[in-house]
Amino acid sequence: SLFENEAEKELYQAVQSIRKQFEN
């Protein structure tokens, strides 16, 4: 909710997607 631009949101979503699989 503290994000102020689309770049923050897009990077965040991409990183969360990666994190789910990262350890495996």
mmCIF file of all heavy atoms, coordinates in Angstrom:
data_MODEL
# 
_entry.id   MODEL 
# 
loop_
_atom_site.group_PDB 
_atom_site.id 
_atom_site.type_symbol 
_atom_site.label_atom_id 
_atom_site.label_alt_id 
_atom_site.label_comp_id 
_atom_site.label_asym_id 
_atom_site.label_entity_id 
_atom_site.label_seq_id 
_atom_site.pdbx_PDB_ins_code 
_atom_site.Cartn_x 
_atom_site.Cartn_y 
_atom_site.Cartn_z 
_atom_site.occupancy 
_atom_site.B_iso_or_equiv 
_atom_site.pdbx_formal_charge 
_atom_site.auth_seq_id 
_atom_site.auth_comp_id 
_atom_site.auth_asym_id 
_atom_site.auth_atom_id 
_atom_site.pdbx_PDB_model_num 
ATOM 1   N N   . SER A 1 1  ? 0.827  -1.220  0.000   1.00 0.00 ? 1  SER A N   1 
ATOM 2   C CA  . SER A 1 1  ? 0.000  0.000   0.000   1.00 0.00 ? 1  SER A CA  1 
ATOM 3   C C   . SER A 1 1  ? 0.859  1.266   0.000   1.00 0.00 ? 1  SER A C   1 
ATOM 4   O O   . SER A 1 1  ? 0.358  2.359   -0.285  1.00 0.00 ? 1  SER A O   1 
ATOM 5   C CB  . SER A 1 1  ? -0.933 -0.001  1.215   1.00 0.00 ? 1  SER A CB  1 
ATOM 6   O OG  . SER A 1 1  ? -0.187 0.131   2.413   1.00 0.00 ? 1  SER A OG  1 
ATOM 7   N N   . LEU A 1 2  ? 2.151  1.113   0.342   1.00 0.00 ? 2  LEU A N   1 
ATOM 8   C CA  . LEU A 1 2  ? 3.042  2.278   0.369   1.00 0.00 ? 2  LEU A CA  1 
ATOM 9   C C   . LEU A 1 2  ? 3.733  2.524   -0.968  1.00 0.00 ? 2  LEU A C   1 
ATOM 10  O O   . LEU A 1 2  ? 4.498  3.478   -1.112  1.00 0.00 ? 2  LEU A O   1 
ATOM 11  C CB  . LEU A 1 2  ? 4.102  2.097   1.471   1.00 0.00 ? 2  LEU A CB  1 
ATOM 12  C CG  . LEU A 1 2  ? 3.578  2.096   2.912   1.00 0.00 ? 2  LEU A CG  1 
ATOM 13  C CD1 . LEU A 1 2  ? 4.696  1.762   3.889   1.00 0.00 ? 2  LEU A CD1 1 
ATOM 14  C CD2 . LEU A 1 2  ? 2.957  3.454   3.266   1.00 0.00 ? 2  LEU A CD2 1 
ATOM 15  N N   . PHE A 1 3  ? 3.475  1.662   -1.936  1.00 0.00 ? 3  PHE A N   1 
ATOM 16  C CA  . PHE A 1 3  ? 4.078  1.852   -3.255  1.00 0.00 ? 3  PHE A CA  1 
ATOM 17  C C   . PHE A 1 3  ? 3.494  3.113   -3.903  1.00 0.00 ? 3  PHE A C   1 
ATOM 18  O O   . PHE A 1 3  ? 2.297  3.373   -3.825  1.00 0.00 ? 3  PHE A O   1 
ATOM 19  C CB  . PHE A 1 3  ? 3.814  0.653   -4.162  1.00 0.00 ? 3  PHE A CB  1 
ATOM 20  C CG  . PHE A 1 3  ? 4.535  -0.615  -3.723  1.00 0.00 ? 3  PHE A CG  1 
ATOM 21  C CD1 . PHE A 1 3  ? 4.092  -1.861  -4.157  1.00 0.00 ? 3  PHE A CD1 1 
ATOM 22  C CD2 . PHE A 1 3  ? 5.645  -0.557  -2.895  1.00 0.00 ? 3  PHE A CD2 1 
ATOM 23  C CE1 . PHE A 1 3  ? 4.741  -3.013  -3.772  1.00 0.00 ? 3  PHE A CE1 1 
ATOM 24  C CE2 . PHE A 1 3  ? 6.296  -1.706  -2.489  1.00 0.00 ? 3  PHE A CE2 1 
ATOM 25  C CZ  . PHE A 1 3  ? 5.844  -2.936  -2.922  1.00 0.00 ? 3  PHE A CZ  1 
ATOM 26  N N   . GLU A 1 4  ? 4.345  3.873   -4.603  1.00 0.00 ? 4  GLU A N   1 
ATOM 27  C CA  . GLU A 1 4  ? 3.905  5.135   -5.194  1.00 0.00 ? 4  GLU A CA  1 
ATOM 28  C C   . GLU A 1 4  ? 3.965  5.143   -6.712  1.00 0.00 ? 4  GLU A C   1 
ATOM 29  O O   . GLU A 1 4  ? 3.592  6.129   -7.341  1.00 0.00 ? 4  GLU A O   1 
ATOM 30  C CB  . GLU A 1 4  ? 4.769  6.280   -4.641  1.00 0.00 ? 4  GLU A CB  1 
ATOM 31  C CG  . GLU A 1 4  ? 4.594  6.479   -3.132  1.00 0.00 ? 4  GLU A CG  1 
ATOM 32  C CD  . GLU A 1 4  ? 5.440  7.624   -2.607  1.00 0.00 ? 4  GLU A CD  1 
ATOM 33  O OE1 . GLU A 1 4  ? 6.367  8.072   -3.339  1.00 0.00 ? 4  GLU A OE1 1 
ATOM 34  O OE2 . GLU A 1 4  ? 5.197  8.078   -1.475  1.00 0.00 ? 4  GLU A OE2 1 
ATOM 35  N N   . ASN A 1 5  ? 4.485  4.032   -7.337  1.00 0.00 ? 5  ASN A N   1 
ATOM 36  C CA  . ASN A 1 5  ? 4.520  4.002   -8.798  1.00 0.00 ? 5  ASN A CA  1 
ATOM 37  C C   . ASN A 1 5  ? 4.403  2.551   -9.282  1.00 0.00 ? 5  ASN A C   1 
ATOM 38  O O   . ASN A 1 5  ? 4.522  1.601   -8.502  1.00 0.00 ? 5  ASN A O   1 
ATOM 39  C CB  . ASN A 1 5  ? 5.789  4.670   -9.339  1.00 0.00 ? 5  ASN A CB  1 
ATOM 40  C CG  . ASN A 1 5  ? 7.058  4.007   -8.808  1.00 0.00 ? 5  ASN A CG  1 
ATOM 41  O OD1 . ASN A 1 5  ? 7.276  2.821   -9.025  1.00 0.00 ? 5  ASN A OD1 1 
ATOM 42  N ND2 . ASN A 1 5  ? 7.888  4.787   -8.117  1.00 0.00 ? 5  ASN A ND2 1 
ATOM 43  N N   . GLU A 1 6  ? 4.189  2.420   -10.573 1.00 0.00 ? 6  GLU A N   1 
ATOM 44  C CA  . GLU A 1 6  ? 3.971  1.097   -11.157 1.00 0.00 ? 6  GLU A CA  1 
ATOM 45  C C   . GLU A 1 6  ? 5.249  0.251   -11.124 1.00 0.00 ? 6  GLU A C   1 
ATOM 46  O O   . GLU A 1 6  ? 5.188  -0.975  -11.021 1.00 0.00 ? 6  GLU A O   1 
ATOM 47  C CB  . GLU A 1 6  ? 3.494  1.234   -12.609 1.00 0.00 ? 6  GLU A CB  1 
ATOM 48  C CG  . GLU A 1 6  ? 2.051  1.701   -12.744 1.00 0.00 ? 6  GLU A CG  1 
ATOM 49  C CD  . GLU A 1 6  ? 1.084  0.744   -12.066 1.00 0.00 ? 6  GLU A CD  1 
ATOM 50  O OE1 . GLU A 1 6  ? 1.221  -0.486  -12.286 1.00 0.00 ? 6  GLU A OE1 1 
ATOM 51  O OE2 . GLU A 1 6  ? 0.210  1.214   -11.307 1.00 0.00 ? 6  GLU A OE2 1 
ATOM 52  N N   . ALA A 1 7  ? 6.401  0.895   -11.221 1.00 0.00 ? 7  ALA A N   1 
ATOM 53  C CA  . ALA A 1 7  ? 7.660  0.149   -11.226 1.00 0.00 ? 7  ALA A CA  1 
ATOM 54  C C   . ALA A 1 7  ? 7.848  -0.613  -9.920  1.00 0.00 ? 7  ALA A C   1 
ATOM 55  O O   . ALA A 1 7  ? 8.310  -1.765  -9.913  1.00 0.00 ? 7  ALA A O   1 
ATOM 56  C CB  . ALA A 1 7  ? 8.827  1.102   -11.458 1.00 0.00 ? 7  ALA A CB  1 
ATOM 57  N N   . GLU A 1 8  ? 7.482  0.020   -8.802  1.00 0.00 ? 8  GLU A N   1 
ATOM 58  C CA  . GLU A 1 8  ? 7.571  -0.667  -7.510  1.00 0.00 ? 8  GLU A CA  1 
ATOM 59  C C   . GLU A 1 8  ? 6.672  -1.894  -7.488  1.00 0.00 ? 8  GLU A C   1 
ATOM 60  O O   . GLU A 1 8  ? 7.072  -2.975  -7.026  1.00 0.00 ? 8  GLU A O   1 
ATOM 61  C CB  . GLU A 1 8  ? 7.165  0.278   -6.374  1.00 0.00 ? 8  GLU A CB  1 
ATOM 62  C CG  . GLU A 1 8  ? 8.187  1.339   -6.020  1.00 0.00 ? 8  GLU A CG  1 
ATOM 63  C CD  . GLU A 1 8  ? 7.748  2.148   -4.809  1.00 0.00 ? 8  GLU A CD  1 
ATOM 64  O OE1 . GLU A 1 8  ? 6.971  3.102   -4.988  1.00 0.00 ? 8  GLU A OE1 1 
ATOM 65  O OE2 . GLU A 1 8  ? 8.171  1.798   -3.694  1.00 0.00 ? 8  GLU A OE2 1 
ATOM 66  N N   . LYS A 1 9  ? 5.447  -1.714  -7.964  1.00 0.00 ? 9  LYS A N   1 
ATOM 67  C CA  . LYS A 1 9  ? 4.481  -2.809  -7.935  1.00 0.00 ? 9  LYS A CA  1 
ATOM 68  C C   . LYS A 1 9  ? 4.936  -3.968  -8.827  1.00 0.00 ? 9  LYS A C   1 
ATOM 69  O O   . LYS A 1 9  ? 4.877  -5.136  -8.422  1.00 0.00 ? 9  LYS A O   1 
ATOM 70  C CB  . LYS A 1 9  ? 3.111  -2.305  -8.402  1.00 0.00 ? 9  LYS A CB  1 
ATOM 71  C CG  . LYS A 1 9  ? 2.484  -1.259  -7.488  1.00 0.00 ? 9  LYS A CG  1 
ATOM 72  C CD  . LYS A 1 9  ? 1.177  -0.727  -8.085  1.00 0.00 ? 9  LYS A CD  1 
ATOM 73  C CE  . LYS A 1 9  ? 0.597  0.405   -7.238  1.00 0.00 ? 9  LYS A CE  1 
ATOM 74  N NZ  . LYS A 1 9  ? -0.635 0.963   -7.842  1.00 0.00 ? 9  LYS A NZ  1 
ATOM 75  N N   . GLU A 1 10 ? 5.376  -3.641  -10.034 1.00 0.00 ? 10 GLU A N   1 
ATOM 76  C CA  . GLU A 1 10 ? 5.771  -4.696  -10.969 1.00 0.00 ? 10 GLU A CA  1 
ATOM 77  C C   . GLU A 1 10 ? 6.990  -5.477  -10.461 1.00 0.00 ? 10 GLU A C   1 
ATOM 78  O O   . GLU A 1 10 ? 7.043  -6.703  -10.567 1.00 0.00 ? 10 GLU A O   1 
ATOM 79  C CB  . GLU A 1 10 ? 6.074  -4.086  -12.336 1.00 0.00 ? 10 GLU A CB  1 
ATOM 80  C CG  . GLU A 1 10 ? 4.832  -3.571  -13.052 1.00 0.00 ? 10 GLU A CG  1 
ATOM 81  C CD  . GLU A 1 10 ? 5.168  -2.914  -14.380 1.00 0.00 ? 10 GLU A CD  1 
ATOM 82  O OE1 . GLU A 1 10 ? 6.369  -2.927  -14.757 1.00 0.00 ? 10 GLU A OE1 1 
ATOM 83  O OE2 . GLU A 1 10 ? 4.251  -2.391  -15.034 1.00 0.00 ? 10 GLU A OE2 1 
ATOM 84  N N   . LEU A 1 11 ? 7.967  -4.768  -9.890  1.00 0.00 ? 11 LEU A N   1 
ATOM 85  C CA  . LEU A 1 11 ? 9.140  -5.447  -9.357  1.00 0.00 ? 11 LEU A CA  1 
ATOM 86  C C   . LEU A 1 11 ? 8.755  -6.332  -8.172  1.00 0.00 ? 11 LEU A C   1 
ATOM 87  O O   . LEU A 1 11 ? 9.213  -7.467  -8.049  1.00 0.00 ? 11 LEU A O   1 
ATOM 88  C CB  . LEU A 1 11 ? 10.205 -4.426  -8.942  1.00 0.00 ? 11 LEU A CB  1 
ATOM 89  C CG  . LEU A 1 11 ? 11.523 -5.006  -8.409  1.00 0.00 ? 11 LEU A CG  1 
ATOM 90  C CD1 . LEU A 1 11 ? 12.187 -5.905  -9.447  1.00 0.00 ? 11 LEU A CD1 1 
ATOM 91  C CD2 . LEU A 1 11 ? 12.474 -3.883  -7.991  1.00 0.00 ? 11 LEU A CD2 1 
ATOM 92  N N   . TYR A 1 12 ? 7.893  -5.805  -7.319  1.00 0.00 ? 12 TYR A N   1 
ATOM 93  C CA  . TYR A 1 12 ? 7.448  -6.561  -6.148  1.00 0.00 ? 12 TYR A CA  1 
ATOM 94  C C   . TYR A 1 12 ? 6.762  -7.860  -6.566  1.00 0.00 ? 12 TYR A C   1 
ATOM 95  O O   . TYR A 1 12 ? 7.059  -8.938  -6.042  1.00 0.00 ? 12 TYR A O   1 
ATOM 96  C CB  . TYR A 1 12 ? 6.498  -5.701  -5.306  1.00 0.00 ? 12 TYR A CB  1 
ATOM 97  C CG  . TYR A 1 12 ? 5.851  -6.448  -4.162  1.00 0.00 ? 12 TYR A CG  1 
ATOM 98  C CD1 . TYR A 1 12 ? 6.576  -6.759  -3.013  1.00 0.00 ? 12 TYR A CD1 1 
ATOM 99  C CD2 . TYR A 1 12 ? 4.513  -6.838  -4.227  1.00 0.00 ? 12 TYR A CD2 1 
ATOM 100 C CE1 . TYR A 1 12 ? 5.983  -7.447  -1.964  1.00 0.00 ? 12 TYR A CE1 1 
ATOM 101 C CE2 . TYR A 1 12 ? 3.909  -7.522  -3.181  1.00 0.00 ? 12 TYR A CE2 1 
ATOM 102 C CZ  . TYR A 1 12 ? 4.643  -7.826  -2.062  1.00 0.00 ? 12 TYR A CZ  1 
ATOM 103 O OH  . TYR A 1 12 ? 4.052  -8.513  -1.017  1.00 0.00 ? 12 TYR A OH  1 
ATOM 104 N N   . GLN A 1 13 ? 5.828  -7.771  -7.502  1.00 0.00 ? 13 GLN A N   1 
ATOM 105 C CA  . GLN A 1 13 ? 5.087  -8.954  -7.949  1.00 0.00 ? 13 GLN A CA  1 
ATOM 106 C C   . GLN A 1 13 ? 6.016  -9.983  -8.579  1.00 0.00 ? 13 GLN A C   1 
ATOM 107 O O   . GLN A 1 13 ? 5.877  -11.195 -8.355  1.00 0.00 ? 13 GLN A O   1 
ATOM 108 C CB  . GLN A 1 13 ? 4.006  -8.535  -8.946  1.00 0.00 ? 13 GLN A CB  1 
ATOM 109 C CG  . GLN A 1 13 ? 2.866  -7.739  -8.307  1.00 0.00 ? 13 GLN A CG  1 
ATOM 110 C CD  . GLN A 1 13 ? 1.952  -7.077  -9.324  1.00 0.00 ? 13 GLN A CD  1 
ATOM 111 O OE1 . GLN A 1 13 ? 2.183  -7.178  -10.536 1.00 0.00 ? 13 GLN A OE1 1 
ATOM 112 N NE2 . GLN A 1 13 ? 0.914  -6.390  -8.844  1.00 0.00 ? 13 GLN A NE2 1 
ATOM 113 N N   . ALA A 1 14 ? 6.984  -9.520  -9.373  1.00 0.00 ? 14 ALA A N   1 
ATOM 114 C CA  . ALA A 1 14 ? 7.930  -10.442 -10.016 1.00 0.00 ? 14 ALA A CA  1 
ATOM 115 C C   . ALA A 1 14 ? 8.795  -11.152 -8.974  1.00 0.00 ? 14 ALA A C   1 
ATOM 116 O O   . ALA A 1 14 ? 9.035  -12.365 -9.059  1.00 0.00 ? 14 ALA A O   1 
ATOM 117 C CB  . ALA A 1 14 ? 8.815  -9.683  -10.997 1.00 0.00 ? 14 ALA A CB  1 
ATOM 118 N N   . VAL A 1 15 ? 9.232  -10.398 -7.954  1.00 0.00 ? 15 VAL A N   1 
ATOM 119 C CA  . VAL A 1 15 ? 10.084 -10.986 -6.913  1.00 0.00 ? 15 VAL A CA  1 
ATOM 120 C C   . VAL A 1 15 ? 9.300  -11.999 -6.085  1.00 0.00 ? 15 VAL A C   1 
ATOM 121 O O   . VAL A 1 15 ? 9.800  -13.083 -5.752  1.00 0.00 ? 15 VAL A O   1 
ATOM 122 C CB  . VAL A 1 15 ? 10.687 -9.883  -6.016  1.00 0.00 ? 15 VAL A CB  1 
ATOM 123 C CG1 . VAL A 1 15 ? 11.358 -10.491 -4.786  1.00 0.00 ? 15 VAL A CG1 1 
ATOM 124 C CG2 . VAL A 1 15 ? 11.676 -9.036  -6.803  1.00 0.00 ? 15 VAL A CG2 1 
ATOM 125 N N   . GLN A 1 16 ? 8.049  -11.687 -5.750  1.00 0.00 ? 16 GLN A N   1 
ATOM 126 C CA  . GLN A 1 16 ? 7.245  -12.630 -4.961  1.00 0.00 ? 16 GLN A CA  1 
ATOM 127 C C   . GLN A 1 16 ? 7.030  -13.930 -5.716  1.00 0.00 ? 16 GLN A C   1 
ATOM 128 O O   . GLN A 1 16 ? 7.025  -15.022 -5.138  1.00 0.00 ? 16 GLN A O   1 
ATOM 129 C CB  . GLN A 1 16 ? 5.892  -11.999 -4.589  1.00 0.00 ? 16 GLN A CB  1 
ATOM 130 C CG  . GLN A 1 16 ? 5.984  -10.744 -3.736  1.00 0.00 ? 16 GLN A CG  1 
ATOM 131 C CD  . GLN A 1 16 ? 6.991  -10.884 -2.592  1.00 0.00 ? 16 GLN A CD  1 
ATOM 132 O OE1 . GLN A 1 16 ? 6.890  -11.799 -1.772  1.00 0.00 ? 16 GLN A OE1 1 
ATOM 133 N NE2 . GLN A 1 16 ? 7.958  -9.975  -2.552  1.00 0.00 ? 16 GLN A NE2 1 
ATOM 134 N N   . SER A 1 17 ? 6.869  -13.812 -7.028  1.00 0.00 ? 17 SER A N   1 
ATOM 135 C CA  . SER A 1 17 ? 6.687  -15.007 -7.851  1.00 0.00 ? 17 SER A CA  1 
ATOM 136 C C   . SER A 1 17 ? 7.938  -15.883 -7.822  1.00 0.00 ? 17 SER A C   1 
ATOM 137 O O   . SER A 1 17 ? 7.857  -17.115 -7.726  1.00 0.00 ? 17 SER A O   1 
ATOM 138 C CB  . SER A 1 17 ? 6.360  -14.598 -9.288  1.00 0.00 ? 17 SER A CB  1 
ATOM 139 O OG  . SER A 1 17 ? 6.277  -15.731 -10.123 1.00 0.00 ? 17 SER A OG  1 
ATOM 140 N N   . ILE A 1 18 ? 9.095  -15.243 -7.873  1.00 0.00 ? 18 ILE A N   1 
ATOM 141 C CA  . ILE A 1 18 ? 10.362 -15.987 -7.846  1.00 0.00 ? 18 ILE A CA  1 
ATOM 142 C C   . ILE A 1 18 ? 10.592 -16.626 -6.479  1.00 0.00 ? 18 ILE A C   1 
ATOM 143 O O   . ILE A 1 18 ? 11.037 -17.774 -6.374  1.00 0.00 ? 18 ILE A O   1 
ATOM 144 C CB  . ILE A 1 18 ? 11.536 -15.046 -8.194  1.00 0.00 ? 18 ILE A CB  1 
ATOM 145 C CG1 . ILE A 1 18 ? 11.454 -14.606 -9.650  1.00 0.00 ? 18 ILE A CG1 1 
ATOM 146 C CG2 . ILE A 1 18 ? 12.874 -15.708 -7.916  1.00 0.00 ? 18 ILE A CG2 1 
ATOM 147 C CD1 . ILE A 1 18 ? 12.483 -13.561 -10.029 1.00 0.00 ? 18 ILE A CD1 1 
ATOM 148 N N   . ARG A 1 19 ? 10.276 -15.885 -5.418  1.00 0.00 ? 19 ARG A N   1 
ATOM 149 C CA  . ARG A 1 19 ? 10.559 -16.356 -4.057  1.00 0.00 ? 19 ARG A CA  1 
ATOM 150 C C   . ARG A 1 19 ? 9.884  -17.684 -3.754  1.00 0.00 ? 19 ARG A C   1 
ATOM 151 O O   . ARG A 1 19 ? 10.409 -18.512 -2.999  1.00 0.00 ? 19 ARG A O   1 
ATOM 152 C CB  . ARG A 1 19 ? 10.107 -15.318 -3.031  1.00 0.00 ? 19 ARG A CB  1 
ATOM 153 C CG  . ARG A 1 19 ? 11.002 -14.094 -2.936  1.00 0.00 ? 19 ARG A CG  1 
ATOM 154 C CD  . ARG A 1 19 ? 10.574 -13.213 -1.787  1.00 0.00 ? 19 ARG A CD  1 
ATOM 155 N NE  . ARG A 1 19 ? 10.892 -13.805 -0.494  1.00 0.00 ? 19 ARG A NE  1 
ATOM 156 C CZ  . ARG A 1 19 ? 10.197 -13.603 0.628   1.00 0.00 ? 19 ARG A CZ  1 
ATOM 157 N NH1 . ARG A 1 19 ? 9.109  -12.850 0.603   1.00 0.00 ? 19 ARG A NH1 1 
ATOM 158 N NH2 . ARG A 1 19 ? 10.571 -14.163 1.760   1.00 0.00 ? 19 ARG A NH2 1 
ATOM 159 N N   . LYS A 1 20 ? 8.716  -17.920 -4.313  1.00 0.00 ? 20 LYS A N   1 
ATOM 160 C CA  . LYS A 1 20 ? 7.974  -19.148 -4.024  1.00 0.00 ? 20 LYS A CA  1 
ATOM 161 C C   . LYS A 1 20 ? 8.747  -20.388 -4.476  1.00 0.00 ? 20 LYS A C   1 
ATOM 162 O O   . LYS A 1 20 ? 8.575  -21.466 -3.909  1.00 0.00 ? 20 LYS A O   1 
ATOM 163 C CB  . LYS A 1 20 ? 6.610  -19.104 -4.721  1.00 0.00 ? 20 LYS A CB  1 
ATOM 164 C CG  . LYS A 1 20 ? 5.679  -18.027 -4.173  1.00 0.00 ? 20 LYS A CG  1 
ATOM 165 C CD  . LYS A 1 20 ? 4.384  -17.964 -4.988  1.00 0.00 ? 20 LYS A CD  1 
ATOM 166 C CE  . LYS A 1 20 ? 3.467  -16.842 -4.490  1.00 0.00 ? 20 LYS A CE  1 
ATOM 167 N NZ  . LYS A 1 20 ? 2.238  -16.735 -5.323  1.00 0.00 ? 20 LYS A NZ  1 
ATOM 168 N N   . GLN A 1 21 ? 9.592  -20.232 -5.494  1.00 0.00 ? 21 GLN A N   1 
ATOM 169 C CA  . GLN A 1 21 ? 10.293 -21.391 -6.039  1.00 0.00 ? 21 GLN A CA  1 
ATOM 170 C C   . GLN A 1 21 ? 11.793 -21.377 -5.717  1.00 0.00 ? 21 GLN A C   1 
ATOM 171 O O   . GLN A 1 21 ? 12.489 -22.352 -5.959  1.00 0.00 ? 21 GLN A O   1 
ATOM 172 C CB  . GLN A 1 21 ? 10.153 -21.402 -7.567  1.00 0.00 ? 21 GLN A CB  1 
ATOM 173 C CG  . GLN A 1 21 ? 8.773  -21.035 -8.088  1.00 0.00 ? 21 GLN A CG  1 
ATOM 174 C CD  . GLN A 1 21 ? 8.830  -20.689 -9.563  1.00 0.00 ? 21 GLN A CD  1 
ATOM 175 O OE1 . GLN A 1 21 ? 9.256  -21.505 -10.358 1.00 0.00 ? 21 GLN A OE1 1 
ATOM 176 N NE2 . GLN A 1 21 ? 8.430  -19.479 -9.921  1.00 0.00 ? 21 GLN A NE2 1 
ATOM 177 N N   . PHE A 1 22 ? 12.277 -20.283 -5.171  1.00 0.00 ? 22 PHE A N   1 
ATOM 178 C CA  . PHE A 1 22 ? 13.717 -20.037 -5.097  1.00 0.00 ? 22 PHE A CA  1 
ATOM 179 C C   . PHE A 1 22 ? 14.482 -21.148 -4.381  1.00 0.00 ? 22 PHE A C   1 
ATOM 180 O O   . PHE A 1 22 ? 15.531 -21.587 -4.840  1.00 0.00 ? 22 PHE A O   1 
ATOM 181 C CB  . PHE A 1 22 ? 13.976 -18.695 -4.399  1.00 0.00 ? 22 PHE A CB  1 
ATOM 182 C CG  . PHE A 1 22 ? 15.220 -18.000 -4.891  1.00 0.00 ? 22 PHE A CG  1 
ATOM 183 C CD1 . PHE A 1 22 ? 15.246 -17.386 -6.134  1.00 0.00 ? 22 PHE A CD1 1 
ATOM 184 C CD2 . PHE A 1 22 ? 16.372 -17.978 -4.126  1.00 0.00 ? 22 PHE A CD2 1 
ATOM 185 C CE1 . PHE A 1 22 ? 16.389 -16.752 -6.598  1.00 0.00 ? 22 PHE A CE1 1 
ATOM 186 C CE2 . PHE A 1 22 ? 17.515 -17.348 -4.581  1.00 0.00 ? 22 PHE A CE2 1 
ATOM 187 C CZ  . PHE A 1 22 ? 17.527 -16.736 -5.819  1.00 0.00 ? 22 PHE A CZ  1 
ATOM 188 N N   . GLU A 1 23 ? 13.972 -21.611 -3.251  1.00 0.00 ? 23 GLU A N   1 
ATOM 189 C CA  . GLU A 1 23 ? 14.716 -22.596 -2.458  1.00 0.00 ? 23 GLU A CA  1 
ATOM 190 C C   . GLU A 1 23 ? 14.697 -23.983 -3.074  1.00 0.00 ? 23 GLU A C   1 
ATOM 191 O O   . GLU A 1 23 ? 15.476 -24.848 -2.681  1.00 0.00 ? 23 GLU A O   1 
ATOM 192 C CB  . GLU A 1 23 ? 14.166 -22.645 -1.034  1.00 0.00 ? 23 GLU A CB  1 
ATOM 193 C CG  . GLU A 1 23 ? 14.448 -21.382 -0.235  1.00 0.00 ? 23 GLU A CG  1 
ATOM 194 C CD  . GLU A 1 23 ? 14.027 -21.508 1.217   1.00 0.00 ? 23 GLU A CD  1 
ATOM 195 O OE1 . GLU A 1 23 ? 13.562 -22.619 1.592   1.00 0.00 ? 23 GLU A OE1 1 
ATOM 196 O OE2 . GLU A 1 23 ? 14.156 -20.532 1.960   1.00 0.00 ? 23 GLU A OE2 1 
ATOM 197 N N   . ASN A 1 24 ? 13.808 -24.227 -4.011  1.00 0.00 ? 24 ASN A N   1 
ATOM 198 C CA  . ASN A 1 24 ? 13.664 -25.564 -4.596  1.00 0.00 ? 24 ASN A CA  1 
ATOM 199 C C   . ASN A 1 24 ? 14.242 -25.662 -5.999  1.00 0.00 ? 24 ASN A C   1 
ATOM 200 O O   . ASN A 1 24 ? 14.043 -26.658 -6.685  1.00 0.00 ? 24 ASN A O   1 
ATOM 201 C CB  . ASN A 1 24 ? 12.181 -25.965 -4.624  1.00 0.00 ? 24 ASN A CB  1 
ATOM 202 C CG  . ASN A 1 24 ? 11.574 -25.992 -3.232  1.00 0.00 ? 24 ASN A CG  1 
ATOM 203 O OD1 . ASN A 1 24 ? 12.192 -26.494 -2.302  1.00 0.00 ? 24 ASN A OD1 1 
ATOM 204 N ND2 . ASN A 1 24 ? 10.389 -25.433 -3.093  1.00 0.00 ? 24 ASN A ND2 1 
# 
